[in-house]
């Protein structure tokens, strides 16, 4: 990959499987008063983790996805991120959105061991995006809110033309695409990737 020896950090591209982010209130409704999330796997971004706890998502016409993983820590809004294939299986018409942009999106019912929690909105397909430290943004010549291209090599080579840039001093350089996008380009750990403006 060009610039590999001058870039401040190596580029990592990860597939983000379907998951949900929940508020403390939602966690208590689903798992009981005083319940908190239990980390079982720490993720690449600082302080982010996959929780032991999972929920069942009940979609239109009572179609369900069981064992939907919760990612922690808790957030200030409830959001479920699905791939298009998941959305179709559930009977949802789910828009592509940036994380946190949930106004006007479909809602659903979540079921946990302690009860149900109704989400009025918050089911999205996450737009492909890249997390960047300010040093990475300076190197690539971009700022938060810009779009970049991700070139993926290999037998199913493709280019993602609208990779949304998110910049924060806490971020490590990492691209997130969903399972459908990862499968479409046959992404593997050794697949060559390049991020460009």
C-alpha atoms as a PDB file:
ATOM      1  CA  UNK A   1       0.000   0.000   0.000  1.00  0.00           C
ATOM      2  CA  UNK A   2       1.440   3.421  -0.898  1.00  0.00           C
ATOM      3  CA  UNK A   3       2.631   5.581   2.024  1.00  0.00           C
ATOM      4  CA  UNK A   4       2.760   2.467   4.256  1.00  0.00           C
ATOM      5  CA  UNK A   5       6.117   3.483   5.752  1.00  0.00           C
ATOM      6  CA  UNK A   6       5.146   7.122   6.299  1.00  0.00           C
ATOM      7  CA  UNK A   7       1.604   6.726   7.604  1.00  0.00           C
ATOM      8  CA  UNK A   8       1.349   7.307  11.367  1.00  0.00           C
ATOM      9  CA  UNK A   9      -0.688   4.121  11.852  1.00  0.00           C
ATOM     10  CA  UNK A  10      -1.414   0.935   9.884  1.00  0.00           C
ATOM     11  CA  UNK A  11      -4.839   0.734   8.218  1.00  0.00           C
ATOM     12  CA  UNK A  12      -7.152  -1.890   9.662  1.00  0.00           C
ATOM     13  CA  UNK A  13     -10.421  -2.857   7.938  1.00  0.00           C
ATOM     14  CA  UNK A  14     -12.899  -4.767  10.090  1.00  0.00           C
ATOM     15  CA  UNK A  15     -16.299  -6.265   9.404  1.00  0.00           C
ATOM     16  CA  UNK A  16     -18.891  -5.054  11.883  1.00  0.00           C
ATOM     17  CA  UNK A  17     -21.539  -7.750  12.389  1.00  0.00           C
ATOM     18  CA  UNK A  18     -25.096  -6.855  13.399  1.00  0.00           C
ATOM     19  CA  UNK A  19     -25.273  -5.484  16.931  1.00  0.00           C
ATOM     20  CA  UNK A  20     -26.988  -2.973  19.178  1.00  0.00           C
ATOM     21  CA  UNK A  21     -26.046  -0.062  21.430  1.00  0.00           C
ATOM     22  CA  UNK A  22     -28.310   0.509  24.439  1.00  0.00           C
ATOM     23  CA  UNK A  23     -28.934   3.092  27.138  1.00  0.00           C
ATOM     24  CA  UNK A  24     -28.650   2.116  30.829  1.00  0.00           C
ATOM     25  CA  UNK A  25     -32.459   2.335  31.050  1.00  0.00           C
ATOM     26  CA  UNK A  26     -32.871  -0.186  28.219  1.00  0.00           C
ATOM     27  CA  UNK A  27     -30.345  -2.553  29.822  1.00  0.00           C
ATOM     28  CA  UNK A  28     -32.254  -2.451  33.125  1.00  0.00           C
ATOM     29  CA  UNK A  29     -35.589  -3.039  31.386  1.00  0.00           C
ATOM     30  CA  UNK A  30     -34.198  -6.068  29.562  1.00  0.00           C
ATOM     31  CA  UNK A  31     -31.951  -7.571  32.251  1.00  0.00           C
ATOM     32  CA  UNK A  32     -33.317  -6.304  35.565  1.00  0.00           C
ATOM     33  CA  UNK A  33     -32.902  -3.370  37.921  1.00  0.00           C
ATOM     34  CA  UNK A  34     -29.246  -2.531  38.501  1.00  0.00           C
ATOM     35  CA  UNK A  35     -28.077  -4.669  35.571  1.00  0.00           C
ATOM     36  CA  UNK A  36     -24.932  -3.591  33.748  1.00  0.00           C
ATOM     37  CA  UNK A  37     -23.095  -4.903  30.706  1.00  0.00           C
ATOM     38  CA  UNK A  38     -20.374  -7.535  31.152  1.00  0.00           C
ATOM     39  CA  UNK A  39     -17.390  -7.284  28.765  1.00  0.00           C
ATOM     40  CA  UNK A  40     -16.386 -10.576  27.118  1.00  0.00           C
ATOM     41  CA  UNK A  41     -14.214  -9.193  24.306  1.00  0.00           C
ATOM     42  CA  UNK A  42     -12.470  -5.842  24.045  1.00  0.00           C
ATOM     43  CA  UNK A  43     -12.727  -4.218  20.619  1.00  0.00           C
ATOM     44  CA  UNK A  44     -10.078  -2.259  18.705  1.00  0.00           C
ATOM     45  CA  UNK A  45     -11.403   1.176  19.655  1.00  0.00           C
ATOM     46  CA  UNK A  46     -10.557   2.364  23.173  1.00  0.00           C
ATOM     47  CA  UNK A  47     -12.946   1.224  25.945  1.00  0.00           C
ATOM     48  CA  UNK A  48     -15.337  -0.446  23.458  1.00  0.00           C
ATOM     49  CA  UNK A  49     -16.372  -4.050  24.077  1.00  0.00           C
ATOM     50  CA  UNK A  50     -18.678  -6.864  23.054  1.00  0.00           C
ATOM     51  CA  UNK A  51     -20.904  -7.688  26.021  1.00  0.00           C
ATOM     52  CA  UNK A  52     -21.824 -11.126  27.290  1.00  0.00           C
ATOM     53  CA  UNK A  53     -25.455 -10.011  27.198  1.00  0.00           C
ATOM     54  CA  UNK A  54     -27.560 -10.526  24.080  1.00  0.00           C
ATOM     55  CA  UNK A  55     -31.157  -9.740  23.185  1.00  0.00           C
ATOM     56  CA  UNK A  56     -33.799 -10.977  20.789  1.00  0.00           C
ATOM     57  CA  UNK A  57     -34.921  -8.454  18.178  1.00  0.00           C
ATOM     58  CA  UNK A  58     -38.572  -8.745  17.176  1.00  0.00           C
ATOM     59  CA  UNK A  59     -39.234  -7.182  13.785  1.00  0.00           C
ATOM     60  CA  UNK A  60     -42.299  -6.714  11.596  1.00  0.00           C
ATOM     61  CA  UNK A  61     -44.696  -9.661  11.421  1.00  0.00           C
ATOM     62  CA  UNK A  62     -42.972 -11.143  14.512  1.00  0.00           C
ATOM     63  CA  UNK A  63     -39.823 -12.164  12.638  1.00  0.00           C
ATOM     64  CA  UNK A  64     -36.888 -12.382  15.047  1.00  0.00           C
ATOM     65  CA  UNK A  65     -33.114 -12.364  15.309  1.00  0.00           C
ATOM     66  CA  UNK A  66     -31.930 -14.164  18.434  1.00  0.00           C
ATOM     67  CA  UNK A  67     -28.672 -13.547  20.292  1.00  0.00           C
ATOM     68  CA  UNK A  68     -28.159 -10.021  18.992  1.00  0.00           C
ATOM     69  CA  UNK A  69     -24.917  -8.877  20.616  1.00  0.00           C
ATOM     70  CA  UNK A  70     -24.844  -5.695  22.694  1.00  0.00           C
ATOM     71  CA  UNK A  71     -21.754  -3.507  22.381  1.00  0.00           C
ATOM     72  CA  UNK A  72     -20.677  -1.439  25.348  1.00  0.00           C
ATOM     73  CA  UNK A  73     -20.330   0.804  27.118  1.00  0.00           C
ATOM     74  CA  UNK A  74     -23.896   2.104  27.295  1.00  0.00           C
ATOM     75  CA  UNK A  75     -24.804   5.123  25.176  1.00  0.00           C
ATOM     76  CA  UNK A  76     -27.253   8.005  25.382  1.00  0.00           C
ATOM     77  CA  UNK A  77     -29.501   6.538  22.662  1.00  0.00           C
ATOM     78  CA  UNK A  78     -30.603   3.099  21.532  1.00  0.00           C
ATOM     79  CA  UNK A  79     -29.428   2.001  18.099  1.00  0.00           C
ATOM     80  CA  UNK A  80     -29.451  -1.293  16.207  1.00  0.00           C
ATOM     81  CA  UNK A  81     -27.111  -1.792  13.252  1.00  0.00           C
ATOM     82  CA  UNK A  82     -28.087  -4.411  10.672  1.00  0.00           C
ATOM     83  CA  UNK A  83     -26.815  -5.443   7.260  1.00  0.00           C
ATOM     84  CA  UNK A  84     -29.227  -5.342   4.311  1.00  0.00           C
ATOM     85  CA  UNK A  85     -29.607  -9.131   4.388  1.00  0.00           C
ATOM     86  CA  UNK A  86     -30.679  -8.959   8.047  1.00  0.00           C
ATOM     87  CA  UNK A  87     -33.139  -6.170   7.256  1.00  0.00           C
ATOM     88  CA  UNK A  88     -34.770  -8.144   4.448  1.00  0.00           C
ATOM     89  CA  UNK A  89     -35.050 -11.271   6.595  1.00  0.00           C
ATOM     90  CA  UNK A  90     -36.795  -9.252   9.318  1.00  0.00           C
ATOM     91  CA  UNK A  91     -39.094  -7.403   6.920  1.00  0.00           C
ATOM     92  CA  UNK A  92     -37.578  -3.975   7.612  1.00  0.00           C
ATOM     93  CA  UNK A  93     -37.006  -1.138   5.162  1.00  0.00           C
ATOM     94  CA  UNK A  94     -33.897   0.208   6.875  1.00  0.00           C
ATOM     95  CA  UNK A  95     -32.097   3.384   5.749  1.00  0.00           C
ATOM     96  CA  UNK A  96     -28.327   3.827   5.558  1.00  0.00           C
ATOM     97  CA  UNK A  97     -27.366   6.280   8.296  1.00  0.00           C
ATOM     98  CA  UNK A  98     -24.371   7.578  10.207  1.00  0.00           C
ATOM     99  CA  UNK A  99     -24.197   6.386  13.803  1.00  0.00           C
ATOM    100  CA  UNK A 100     -26.476   8.465  16.028  1.00  0.00           C
ATOM    101  CA  UNK A 101     -28.576   9.751  13.122  1.00  0.00           C
ATOM    102  CA  UNK A 102     -31.731   7.819  13.929  1.00  0.00           C
ATOM    103  CA  UNK A 103     -34.567  10.345  13.417  1.00  0.00           C
ATOM    104  CA  UNK A 104     -37.264   8.841  11.199  1.00  0.00           C
ATOM    105  CA  UNK A 105     -35.813   5.325  11.274  1.00  0.00           C
ATOM    106  CA  UNK A 106     -37.849   2.187  12.040  1.00  0.00           C
ATOM    107  CA  UNK A 107     -38.330   0.973  15.584  1.00  0.00           C
ATOM    108  CA  UNK A 108     -38.626  -2.537  16.966  1.00  0.00           C
ATOM    109  CA  UNK A 109     -39.179  -4.572  20.102  1.00  0.00           C
ATOM    110  CA  UNK A 110     -36.277  -6.059  22.066  1.00  0.00           C
ATOM    111  CA  UNK A 111     -36.718  -9.028  24.361  1.00  0.00           C
ATOM    112  CA  UNK A 112     -34.375  -9.919  27.224  1.00  0.00           C
ATOM    113  CA  UNK A 113     -34.524 -12.327  30.151  1.00  0.00           C
ATOM    114  CA  UNK A 114     -36.240  -9.721  32.337  1.00  0.00           C
ATOM    115  CA  UNK A 115     -38.745  -8.270  29.880  1.00  0.00           C
ATOM    116  CA  UNK A 116     -39.347  -6.245  26.751  1.00  0.00           C
ATOM    117  CA  UNK A 117     -38.086  -2.856  25.622  1.00  0.00           C
ATOM    118  CA  UNK A 118     -39.799  -0.984  22.781  1.00  0.00           C
ATOM    119  CA  UNK A 119     -37.675   1.198  20.527  1.00  0.00           C
ATOM    120  CA  UNK A 120     -39.721   3.825  18.672  1.00  0.00           C
ATOM    121  CA  UNK A 121     -36.804   4.365  16.252  1.00  0.00           C
ATOM    122  CA  UNK A 122     -33.146   3.467  15.889  1.00  0.00           C
ATOM    123  CA  UNK A 123     -32.819   0.553  13.454  1.00  0.00           C
ATOM    124  CA  UNK A 124     -30.254   1.476  10.773  1.00  0.00           C
ATOM    125  CA  UNK A 125     -27.779   0.187   8.240  1.00  0.00           C
ATOM    126  CA  UNK A 126     -24.526   1.841   9.306  1.00  0.00           C
ATOM    127  CA  UNK A 127     -22.836   3.820   6.546  1.00  0.00           C
ATOM    128  CA  UNK A 128     -19.309   2.550   5.804  1.00  0.00           C
ATOM    129  CA  UNK A 129     -16.971   4.695   7.861  1.00  0.00           C
ATOM    130  CA  UNK A 130     -13.409   5.180   9.031  1.00  0.00           C
ATOM    131  CA  UNK A 131     -12.314   6.064  12.555  1.00  0.00           C
ATOM    132  CA  UNK A 132      -9.264   8.347  12.605  1.00  0.00           C
ATOM    133  CA  UNK A 133      -6.966   9.943  15.142  1.00  0.00           C
ATOM    134  CA  UNK A 134      -6.192  13.592  14.264  1.00  0.00           C
ATOM    135  CA  UNK A 135      -2.680  12.478  13.198  1.00  0.00           C
ATOM    136  CA  UNK A 136      -4.233  10.114  10.641  1.00  0.00           C
ATOM    137  CA  UNK A 137      -6.608  12.822   9.390  1.00  0.00           C
ATOM    138  CA  UNK A 138      -3.669  15.194   8.914  1.00  0.00           C
ATOM    139  CA  UNK A 139      -1.716  12.530   7.030  1.00  0.00           C
ATOM    140  CA  UNK A 140      -4.601  11.783   4.672  1.00  0.00           C
ATOM    141  CA  UNK A 141      -5.588  15.452   4.369  1.00  0.00           C
ATOM    142  CA  UNK A 142      -9.180  15.027   5.551  1.00  0.00           C
ATOM    143  CA  UNK A 143     -11.420  16.191   8.389  1.00  0.00           C
ATOM    144  CA  UNK A 144     -14.417  14.775  10.215  1.00  0.00           C
ATOM    145  CA  UNK A 145     -17.461  14.608   7.935  1.00  0.00           C
ATOM    146  CA  UNK A 146     -15.432  14.182   4.734  1.00  0.00           C
ATOM    147  CA  UNK A 147     -15.695  11.133   2.500  1.00  0.00           C
ATOM    148  CA  UNK A 148     -12.843   8.929   1.333  1.00  0.00           C
ATOM    149  CA  UNK A 149     -12.396   5.943  -0.959  1.00  0.00           C
ATOM    150  CA  UNK A 150     -11.457   2.485   0.243  1.00  0.00           C
ATOM    151  CA  UNK A 151      -9.831   0.356  -2.436  1.00  0.00           C
ATOM    152  CA  UNK A 152     -10.024  -3.364  -1.712  1.00  0.00           C
ATOM    153  CA  UNK A 153      -7.847  -5.770  -3.698  1.00  0.00           C
ATOM    154  CA  UNK A 154      -8.032  -9.531  -4.084  1.00  0.00           C
ATOM    155  CA  UNK A 155     -10.241 -11.731  -6.281  1.00  0.00           C
ATOM    156  CA  UNK A 156     -13.358  -9.565  -5.724  1.00  0.00           C
ATOM    157  CA  UNK A 157     -11.573  -6.206  -5.892  1.00  0.00           C
ATOM    158  CA  UNK A 158     -13.835  -3.209  -5.443  1.00  0.00           C
ATOM    159  CA  UNK A 159     -13.812   0.400  -4.286  1.00  0.00           C
ATOM    160  CA  UNK A 160     -16.089   1.975  -1.694  1.00  0.00           C
ATOM    161  CA  UNK A 161     -16.510   5.584  -2.798  1.00  0.00           C
ATOM    162  CA  UNK A 162     -18.305   7.010   0.264  1.00  0.00           C
ATOM    163  CA  UNK A 163     -16.286   6.098   3.340  1.00  0.00           C
ATOM    164  CA  UNK A 164     -17.466   8.571   6.008  1.00  0.00           C
ATOM    165  CA  UNK A 165     -14.640  10.083   8.083  1.00  0.00           C
ATOM    166  CA  UNK A 166     -14.930  10.293  11.880  1.00  0.00           C
ATOM    167  CA  UNK A 167     -12.078  11.979  13.770  1.00  0.00           C
ATOM    168  CA  UNK A 168     -11.419  11.902  17.502  1.00  0.00           C
ATOM    169  CA  UNK A 169      -8.274  11.933  19.665  1.00  0.00           C
ATOM    170  CA  UNK A 170      -9.461   8.647  21.220  1.00  0.00           C
ATOM    171  CA  UNK A 171      -9.811   6.850  17.858  1.00  0.00           C
ATOM    172  CA  UNK A 172      -7.424   4.376  16.271  1.00  0.00           C
ATOM    173  CA  UNK A 173      -7.305   4.138  12.463  1.00  0.00           C
ATOM    174  CA  UNK A 174      -9.976   1.592  11.553  1.00  0.00           C
ATOM    175  CA  UNK A 175     -12.533   1.121   8.769  1.00  0.00           C
ATOM    176  CA  UNK A 176     -15.898  -0.493   9.523  1.00  0.00           C
ATOM    177  CA  UNK A 177     -17.964  -2.194   6.841  1.00  0.00           C
ATOM    178  CA  UNK A 178     -20.891  -4.541   7.461  1.00  0.00           C
ATOM    179  CA  UNK A 179     -21.109  -8.278   6.788  1.00  0.00           C
ATOM    180  CA  UNK A 180     -22.763  -7.890   3.384  1.00  0.00           C
ATOM    181  CA  UNK A 181     -20.086  -5.424   2.263  1.00  0.00           C
ATOM    182  CA  UNK A 182     -17.294  -7.606   3.622  1.00  0.00           C
ATOM    183  CA  UNK A 183     -18.672 -10.713   1.919  1.00  0.00           C
ATOM    184  CA  UNK A 184     -19.148  -8.875  -1.385  1.00  0.00           C
ATOM    185  CA  UNK A 185     -15.445  -7.984  -1.569  1.00  0.00           C
ATOM    186  CA  UNK A 186     -14.273 -11.311  -0.038  1.00  0.00           C
ATOM    187  CA  UNK A 187     -12.390  -9.433   2.682  1.00  0.00           C
ATOM    188  CA  UNK A 188      -9.716 -11.501   4.447  1.00  0.00           C
ATOM    189  CA  UNK A 189      -7.028 -10.509   6.981  1.00  0.00           C
ATOM    190  CA  UNK A 190      -4.419 -10.459   4.196  1.00  0.00           C
ATOM    191  CA  UNK A 191      -6.551  -8.639   1.601  1.00  0.00           C
ATOM    192  CA  UNK A 192      -4.716  -5.527   0.330  1.00  0.00           C
ATOM    193  CA  UNK A 193      -6.549  -2.290   1.167  1.00  0.00           C
ATOM    194  CA  UNK A 194      -5.826   1.374   0.497  1.00  0.00           C
ATOM    195  CA  UNK A 195      -7.531   4.511   1.771  1.00  0.00           C
ATOM    196  CA  UNK A 196      -7.499   7.524  -0.570  1.00  0.00           C
ATOM    197  CA  UNK A 197      -9.155  10.924  -0.871  1.00  0.00           C
END
